Structures are given as structure tokens and as C-alpha cells.
PDB file of N, CA and C in Angstrom:
ATOM      1  N   MET A   1    -280.781 171.167  -7.410  1.00  0.00           N
ATOM      2  CA  MET A   1    -282.158 170.744  -7.235  1.00  0.00           C
ATOM      3  C   MET A   1    -282.359 170.024  -5.914  1.00  0.00           C
ATOM      4  N   ALA A   2    -281.511 169.046  -5.652  1.00  0.00           N
ATOM      5  CA  ALA A   2    -281.692 168.276  -4.424  1.00  0.00           C
ATOM      6  C   ALA A   2    -281.313 169.127  -3.232  1.00  0.00           C
ATOM      7  N   SER A   3    -282.203 169.193  -2.286  1.00  0.00           N
ATOM      8  CA  SER A   3    -281.896 169.941  -1.081  1.00  0.00           C
ATOM      9  C   SER A   3    -281.657 168.994   0.080  1.00  0.00           C
ATOM     10  N   GLN A   4    -281.774 167.710  -0.165  1.00  0.00           N
ATOM     11  CA  GLN A   4    -281.613 166.728   0.888  1.00  0.00           C
ATOM     12  C   GLN A   4    -280.138 166.424   1.122  1.00  0.00           C
ATOM     13  N   VAL A   5    -279.789 166.368   2.381  1.00  0.00           N
ATOM     14  CA  VAL A   5    -278.450 165.955   2.764  1.00  0.00           C
ATOM     15  C   VAL A   5    -278.441 164.427   2.762  1.00  0.00           C
ATOM     16  N   PRO A   6    -277.448 163.797   2.143  1.00  0.00           N
ATOM     17  CA  PRO A   6    -277.421 162.341   2.129  1.00  0.00           C
ATOM     18  C   PRO A   6    -277.251 161.782   3.541  1.00  0.00           C
ATOM     19  N   VAL A   7    -278.018 160.755   3.844  1.00  0.00           N
ATOM     20  CA  VAL A   7    -277.984 160.114   5.157  1.00  0.00           C
ATOM     21  C   VAL A   7    -277.753 158.626   4.952  1.00  0.00           C
ATOM     22  N   ILE A   8    -276.730 158.086   5.609  1.00  0.00           N
ATOM     23  CA  ILE A   8    -276.447 156.652   5.491  1.00  0.00           C
ATOM     24  C   ILE A   8    -277.642 155.859   6.008  1.00  0.00           C
ATOM     25  N   GLY A   9    -278.070 154.895   5.208  1.00  0.00           N
ATOM     26  CA  GLY A   9    -279.207 154.057   5.565  1.00  0.00           C
ATOM     27  C   GLY A   9    -280.539 154.585   5.065  1.00  0.00           C
ATOM     28  N   ALA A  10    -280.538 155.821   4.553  1.00  0.00           N
ATOM     29  CA  ALA A  10    -281.779 156.406   4.029  1.00  0.00           C
ATOM     30  C   ALA A  10    -281.982 155.972   2.580  1.00  0.00           C
ATOM     31  N   TRP A  11    -283.252 155.889   2.197  1.00  0.00           N
ATOM     32  CA  TRP A  11    -283.634 155.508   0.839  1.00  0.00           C
ATOM     33  C   TRP A  11    -284.142 156.725   0.095  1.00  0.00           C
ATOM     34  N   TYR A  12    -283.795 156.800  -1.191  1.00  0.00           N
ATOM     35  CA  TYR A  12    -284.194 157.915  -2.041  1.00  0.00           C
ATOM     36  C   TYR A  12    -284.664 157.373  -3.386  1.00  0.00           C
ATOM     37  N   GLN A  13    -285.448 158.188  -4.065  1.00  0.00           N
ATOM     38  CA  GLN A  13    -285.842 157.873  -5.435  1.00  0.00           C
ATOM     39  C   GLN A  13    -285.342 158.984  -6.326  1.00  0.00           C
ATOM     40  N   ASP A  14    -284.596 158.610  -7.348  1.00  0.00           N
ATOM     41  CA  ASP A  14    -284.182 159.556  -8.376  1.00  0.00           C
ATOM     42  C   ASP A  14    -285.401 159.764  -9.261  1.00  0.00           C
ATOM     43  N   ALA A  15    -286.038 160.917  -9.158  1.00  0.00           N
ATOM     44  CA  ALA A  15    -287.297 161.166  -9.854  1.00  0.00           C
ATOM     45  C   ALA A  15    -287.130 161.167 -11.374  1.00  0.00           C
ATOM     46  N   THR A  16    -285.974 161.537 -11.862  1.00  0.00           N
ATOM     47  CA  THR A  16    -285.737 161.565 -13.301  1.00  0.00           C
ATOM     48  C   THR A  16    -285.544 160.167 -13.861  1.00  0.00           C
ATOM     49  N   GLU A  17    -284.736 159.360 -13.188  1.00  0.00           N
ATOM     50  CA  GLU A  17    -284.423 158.010 -13.647  1.00  0.00           C
ATOM     51  C   GLU A  17    -285.402 156.966 -13.110  1.00  0.00           C
ATOM     52  N   ASP A  18    -286.243 157.352 -12.157  1.00  0.00           N
ATOM     53  CA  ASP A  18    -287.208 156.464 -11.513  1.00  0.00           C
ATOM     54  C   ASP A  18    -286.520 155.229 -10.927  1.00  0.00           C
ATOM     55  N   GLN A  19    -285.404 155.471 -10.231  1.00  0.00           N
ATOM     56  CA  GLN A  19    -284.672 154.394  -9.581  1.00  0.00           C
ATOM     57  C   GLN A  19    -284.634 154.660  -8.077  1.00  0.00           C
ATOM     58  N   ILE A  20    -284.781 153.593  -7.302  1.00  0.00           N
ATOM     59  CA  ILE A  20    -284.726 153.690  -5.847  1.00  0.00           C
ATOM     60  C   ILE A  20    -283.373 153.154  -5.392  1.00  0.00           C
ATOM     61  N   PHE A  21    -282.774 153.844  -4.424  1.00  0.00           N
ATOM     62  CA  PHE A  21    -281.481 153.416  -3.916  1.00  0.00           C
ATOM     63  C   PHE A  21    -281.330 153.800  -2.453  1.00  0.00           C
ATOM     64  N   GLU A  22    -280.352 153.160  -1.815  1.00  0.00           N
ATOM     65  CA  GLU A  22    -280.019 153.431  -0.422  1.00  0.00           C
ATOM     66  C   GLU A  22    -278.631 154.058  -0.366  1.00  0.00           C
ATOM     67  N   VAL A  23    -278.446 155.029   0.499  1.00  0.00           N
ATOM     68  CA  VAL A  23    -277.118 155.580   0.746  1.00  0.00           C
ATOM     69  C   VAL A  23    -276.405 154.628   1.694  1.00  0.00           C
ATOM     70  N   VAL A  24    -275.257 154.095   1.261  1.00  0.00           N
ATOM     71  CA  VAL A  24    -274.538 153.121   2.077  1.00  0.00           C
ATOM     72  C   VAL A  24    -273.260 153.679   2.692  1.00  0.00           C
ATOM     73  N   ALA A  25    -272.763 154.791   2.163  1.00  0.00           N
ATOM     74  CA  ALA A  25    -271.558 155.408   2.726  1.00  0.00           C
ATOM     75  C   ALA A  25    -271.432 156.835   2.221  1.00  0.00           C
ATOM     76  N   ILE A  26    -270.753 157.644   3.017  1.00  0.00           N
ATOM     77  CA  ILE A  26    -270.455 159.017   2.628  1.00  0.00           C
ATOM     78  C   ILE A  26    -268.986 159.259   2.930  1.00  0.00           C
ATOM     79  N   ASP A  27    -268.249 159.694   1.926  1.00  0.00           N
ATOM     80  CA  ASP A  27    -266.832 160.014   2.098  1.00  0.00           C
ATOM     81  C   ASP A  27    -266.683 161.528   2.007  1.00  0.00           C
ATOM     82  N   GLU A  28    -266.604 162.166   3.159  1.00  0.00           N
ATOM     83  CA  GLU A  28    -266.517 163.628   3.211  1.00  0.00           C
ATOM     84  C   GLU A  28    -265.247 164.143   2.532  1.00  0.00           C
ATOM     85  N   GLN A  29    -264.129 163.462   2.755  1.00  0.00           N
ATOM     86  CA  GLN A  29    -262.854 163.921   2.192  1.00  0.00           C
ATOM     87  C   GLN A  29    -262.842 163.857   0.674  1.00  0.00           C
ATOM     88  N   ALA A  30    -263.406 162.798   0.115  1.00  0.00           N
ATOM     89  CA  ALA A  30    -263.447 162.645  -1.341  1.00  0.00           C
ATOM     90  C   ALA A  30    -264.692 163.291  -1.940  1.00  0.00           C
ATOM     91  N   ALA A  31    -265.605 163.774  -1.081  1.00  0.00           N
ATOM     92  CA  ALA A  31    -266.864 164.398  -1.510  1.00  0.00           C
ATOM     93  C   ALA A  31    -267.696 163.443  -2.364  1.00  0.00           C
ATOM     94  N   LEU A  32    -267.857 162.196  -1.851  1.00  0.00           N
ATOM     95  CA  LEU A  32    -268.603 161.175  -2.575  1.00  0.00           C
ATOM     96  C   LEU A  32    -269.692 160.568  -1.704  1.00  0.00           C
ATOM     97  N   VAL A  33    -270.800 160.207  -2.360  1.00  0.00           N
ATOM     98  CA  VAL A  33    -271.890 159.476  -1.722  1.00  0.00           C
ATOM     99  C   VAL A  33    -271.959 158.124  -2.416  1.00  0.00           C
ATOM    100  N   GLU A  34    -271.829 157.046  -1.647  1.00  0.00           N
ATOM    101  CA  GLU A  34    -271.920 155.699  -2.210  1.00  0.00           C
ATOM    102  C   GLU A  34    -273.351 155.217  -2.049  1.00  0.00           C
ATOM    103  N   ILE A  35    -273.923 154.736  -3.144  1.00  0.00           N
ATOM    104  CA  ILE A  35    -275.315 154.296  -3.139  1.00  0.00           C
ATOM    105  C   ILE A  35    -275.412 152.861  -3.650  1.00  0.00           C
ATOM    106  N   GLN A  36    -276.502 152.186  -3.233  1.00  0.00           N
ATOM    107  CA  GLN A  36    -276.754 150.834  -3.714  1.00  0.00           C
ATOM    108  C   GLN A  36    -278.179 150.746  -4.225  1.00  0.00           C
ATOM    109  N   TYR A  37    -278.310 150.284  -5.465  1.00  0.00           N
ATOM    110  CA  TYR A  37    -279.617 150.117  -6.099  1.00  0.00           C
ATOM    111  C   TYR A  37    -280.247 148.798  -5.684  1.00  0.00           C
ATOM    112  N   LEU A  38    -281.511 148.615  -6.006  1.00  0.00           N
ATOM    113  CA  LEU A  38    -282.243 147.405  -5.646  1.00  0.00           C
ATOM    114  C   LEU A  38    -281.606 146.133  -6.196  1.00  0.00           C
ATOM    115  N   ASP A  39    -280.984 146.223  -7.361  1.00  0.00           N
ATOM    116  CA  ASP A  39    -280.380 145.034  -7.967  1.00  0.00           C
ATOM    117  C   ASP A  39    -279.020 144.695  -7.361  1.00  0.00           C
ATOM    118  N   GLY A  40    -278.586 145.489  -6.367  1.00  0.00           N
ATOM    119  CA  GLY A  40    -277.314 145.243  -5.699  1.00  0.00           C
ATOM    120  C   GLY A  40    -276.162 146.050  -6.248  1.00  0.00           C
ATOM    121  N   GLU A  41    -276.363 146.696  -7.399  1.00  0.00           N
ATOM    122  CA  GLU A  41    -275.303 147.499  -7.991  1.00  0.00           C
ATOM    123  C   GLU A  41    -274.951 148.655  -7.066  1.00  0.00           C
ATOM    124  N   VAL A  42    -273.648 148.880  -6.887  1.00  0.00           N
ATOM    125  CA  VAL A  42    -273.151 149.971  -6.065  1.00  0.00           C
ATOM    126  C   VAL A  42    -272.562 151.032  -6.984  1.00  0.00           C
ATOM    127  N   SER A  43    -272.825 152.289  -6.665  1.00  0.00           N
ATOM    128  CA  SER A  43    -272.342 153.395  -7.481  1.00  0.00           C
ATOM    129  C   SER A  43    -271.950 154.543  -6.565  1.00  0.00           C
ATOM    130  N   GLU A  44    -271.240 155.509  -7.115  1.00  0.00           N
ATOM    131  CA  GLU A  44    -270.856 156.696  -6.354  1.00  0.00           C
ATOM    132  C   GLU A  44    -271.350 157.947  -7.071  1.00  0.00           C
ATOM    133  N   LEU A  45    -271.761 158.909  -6.278  1.00  0.00           N
ATOM    134  CA  LEU A  45    -272.132 160.220  -6.793  1.00  0.00           C
ATOM    135  C   LEU A  45    -271.277 161.248  -6.073  1.00  0.00           C
ATOM    136  N   ASP A  46    -270.734 162.203  -6.813  1.00  0.00           N
ATOM    137  CA  ASP A  46    -270.025 163.264  -6.113  1.00  0.00           C
ATOM    138  C   ASP A  46    -271.055 164.237  -5.533  1.00  0.00           C
ATOM    139  N   PHE A  47    -270.641 165.020  -4.560  1.00  0.00           N
ATOM    140  CA  PHE A  47    -271.562 165.924  -3.874  1.00  0.00           C
ATOM    141  C   PHE A  47    -272.248 166.884  -4.851  1.00  0.00           C
ATOM    142  N   GLU A  48    -271.527 167.332  -5.858  1.00  0.00           N
ATOM    143  CA  GLU A  48    -272.102 168.258  -6.840  1.00  0.00           C
ATOM    144  C   GLU A  48    -273.253 167.590  -7.608  1.00  0.00           C
ATOM    145  N   THR A  49    -273.038 166.358  -8.047  1.00  0.00           N
ATOM    146  CA  THR A  49    -274.087 165.622  -8.752  1.00  0.00           C
ATOM    147  C   THR A  49    -275.271 165.377  -7.833  1.00  0.00           C
ATOM    148  N   TRP A  50    -275.002 165.009  -6.580  1.00  0.00           N
ATOM    149  CA  TRP A  50    -276.073 164.782  -5.596  1.00  0.00           C
ATOM    150  C   TRP A  50    -276.980 166.010  -5.520  1.00  0.00           C
ATOM    151  N   GLN A  51    -276.396 167.179  -5.499  1.00  0.00           N
ATOM    152  CA  GLN A  51    -277.176 168.407  -5.387  1.00  0.00           C
ATOM    153  C   GLN A  51    -277.955 168.736  -6.666  1.00  0.00           C
ATOM    154  N   GLN A  52    -277.538 168.182  -7.788  1.00  0.00           N
ATOM    155  CA  GLN A  52    -278.178 168.503  -9.061  1.00  0.00           C
ATOM    156  C   GLN A  52    -279.337 167.579  -9.424  1.00  0.00           C
ATOM    157  N   ILE A  53    -279.398 166.379  -8.860  1.00  0.00           N
ATOM    158  CA  ILE A  53    -280.469 165.458  -9.238  1.00  0.00           C
ATOM    159  C   ILE A  53    -281.707 165.681  -8.378  1.00  0.00           C
ATOM    160  N   LEU A  54    -282.848 165.393  -8.957  1.00  0.00           N
ATOM    161  CA  LEU A  54    -284.120 165.542  -8.258  1.00  0.00           C
ATOM    162  C   LEU A  54    -284.384 164.283  -7.456  1.00  0.00           C
ATOM    163  N   LEU A  55    -284.311 164.409  -6.128  1.00  0.00           N
ATOM    164  CA  LEU A  55    -284.472 163.263  -5.239  1.00  0.00           C
ATOM    165  C   LEU A  55    -285.727 163.389  -4.408  1.00  0.00           C
ATOM    166  N   LEU A  56    -286.366 162.253  -4.198  1.00  0.00           N
ATOM    167  CA  LEU A  56    -287.517 162.149  -3.314  1.00  0.00           C
ATOM    168  C   LEU A  56    -287.165 161.152  -2.224  1.00  0.00           C
ATOM    169  N   SER A  57    -287.668 161.370  -1.022  1.00  0.00           N
ATOM    170  CA  SER A  57    -287.490 160.368   0.036  1.00  0.00           C
ATOM    171  C   SER A  57    -288.269 159.127  -0.355  1.00  0.00           C
ATOM    172  N   ALA A  58    -287.730 157.972  -0.024  1.00  0.00           N
ATOM    173  CA  ALA A  58    -288.396 156.715  -0.361  1.00  0.00           C
ATOM    174  C   ALA A  58    -288.338 155.775   0.838  1.00  0.00           C
ATOM    175  N   LYS A  59    -289.286 154.857   0.877  1.00  0.00           N
ATOM    176  CA  LYS A  59    -289.285 153.817   1.900  1.00  0.00           C
ATOM    177  C   LYS A  59    -288.529 152.619   1.351  1.00  0.00           C
ATOM    178  N   PRO A  60    -287.831 151.885   2.234  1.00  0.00           N
ATOM    179  CA  PRO A  60    -287.164 150.682   1.736  1.00  0.00           C
ATOM    180  C   PRO A  60    -288.192 149.671   1.256  1.00  0.00           C
ATOM    181  N   PRO A  61    -287.903 148.972   0.198  1.00  0.00           N
ATOM    182  CA  PRO A  61    -288.827 147.948  -0.297  1.00  0.00           C
ATOM    183  C   PRO A  61    -289.061 146.894   0.781  1.00  0.00           C
ATOM    184  N   GLU A  62    -290.272 146.364   0.848  1.00  0.00           N
ATOM    185  CA  GLU A  62    -290.609 145.365   1.858  1.00  0.00           C
ATOM    186  C   GLU A  62    -289.749 144.120   1.725  1.00  0.00           C
ATOM    187  N   ASP A  63    -289.380 143.752   0.513  1.00  0.00           N
ATOM    188  CA  ASP A  63    -288.607 142.537   0.296  1.00  0.00           C
ATOM    189  C   ASP A  63    -287.120 142.812   0.155  1.00  0.00           C
ATOM    190  N   TRP A  64    -286.648 143.983   0.603  1.00  0.00           N
ATOM    191  CA  TRP A  64    -285.241 144.353   0.443  1.00  0.00           C
ATOM    192  C   TRP A  64    -284.310 143.335   1.088  1.00  0.00           C
ATOM    193  N   LEU A  65    -284.615 142.848   2.278  1.00  0.00           N
ATOM    194  CA  LEU A  65    -283.760 141.868   2.932  1.00  0.00           C
ATOM    195  C   LEU A  65    -283.647 140.593   2.116  1.00  0.00           C
ATOM    196  N   HIS A  66    -284.698 140.205   1.439  1.00  0.00           N
ATOM    197  CA  HIS A  66    -284.679 139.007   0.613  1.00  0.00           C
ATOM    198  C   HIS A  66    -283.879 139.232  -0.654  1.00  0.00           C
ATOM    199  N   LEU A  67    -283.887 140.455  -1.165  1.00  0.00           N
ATOM    200  CA  LEU A  67    -283.170 140.751  -2.395  1.00  0.00           C
ATOM    201  C   LEU A  67    -281.665 140.728  -2.195  1.00  0.00           C
ATOM    202  N   THR A  68    -281.198 141.054  -1.003  1.00  0.00           N
ATOM    203  CA  THR A  68    -279.767 141.140  -0.766  1.00  0.00           C
ATOM    204  C   THR A  68    -279.175 139.835  -0.282  1.00  0.00           C
ATOM    205  N   ASN A  69    -279.981 138.853   0.032  1.00  0.00           N
ATOM    206  CA  ASN A  69    -279.466 137.565   0.514  1.00  0.00           C
ATOM    207  C   ASN A  69    -279.413 136.542  -0.580  1.00  0.00           C
TER     208      ASN A  69
END
């Protein structure tokens, strides 16, 4: 479903789960995308899962800098 290539620093919305997250790292060798949710939780998605979820481009929240400090 997802046709977007993960980009470090880009924000996405998982349309199914209605969660916004930022891509913080990409490990090409392990085929993993590391993401961080608004609450600070960090998670990994494998490339196959990334391609299967419905993603929308998202803007970073205005208060994102305050949330991480």
C-alpha cells in the first residue's frame, strides 16, 4: 500500500492507526525503519511492513520541540 520511501526526518501518519511519527533512522542492511511517536516511544518497522501500511505525509506538530525536552 505505502508507496512512500522512508526519509529520515520526515513525518508520516499511519492512516489505519491514526498515529503520527517521525522517521529517525533507516538501516538498509537490516531492512529496518526506526520511527519515533509523539509520546517519545521508538519502534522499528521492517521494509515489508512499511510497504504494507497506509501512510500519509504529515507535518511535524508545532509543539514537537517542547514534547521532546
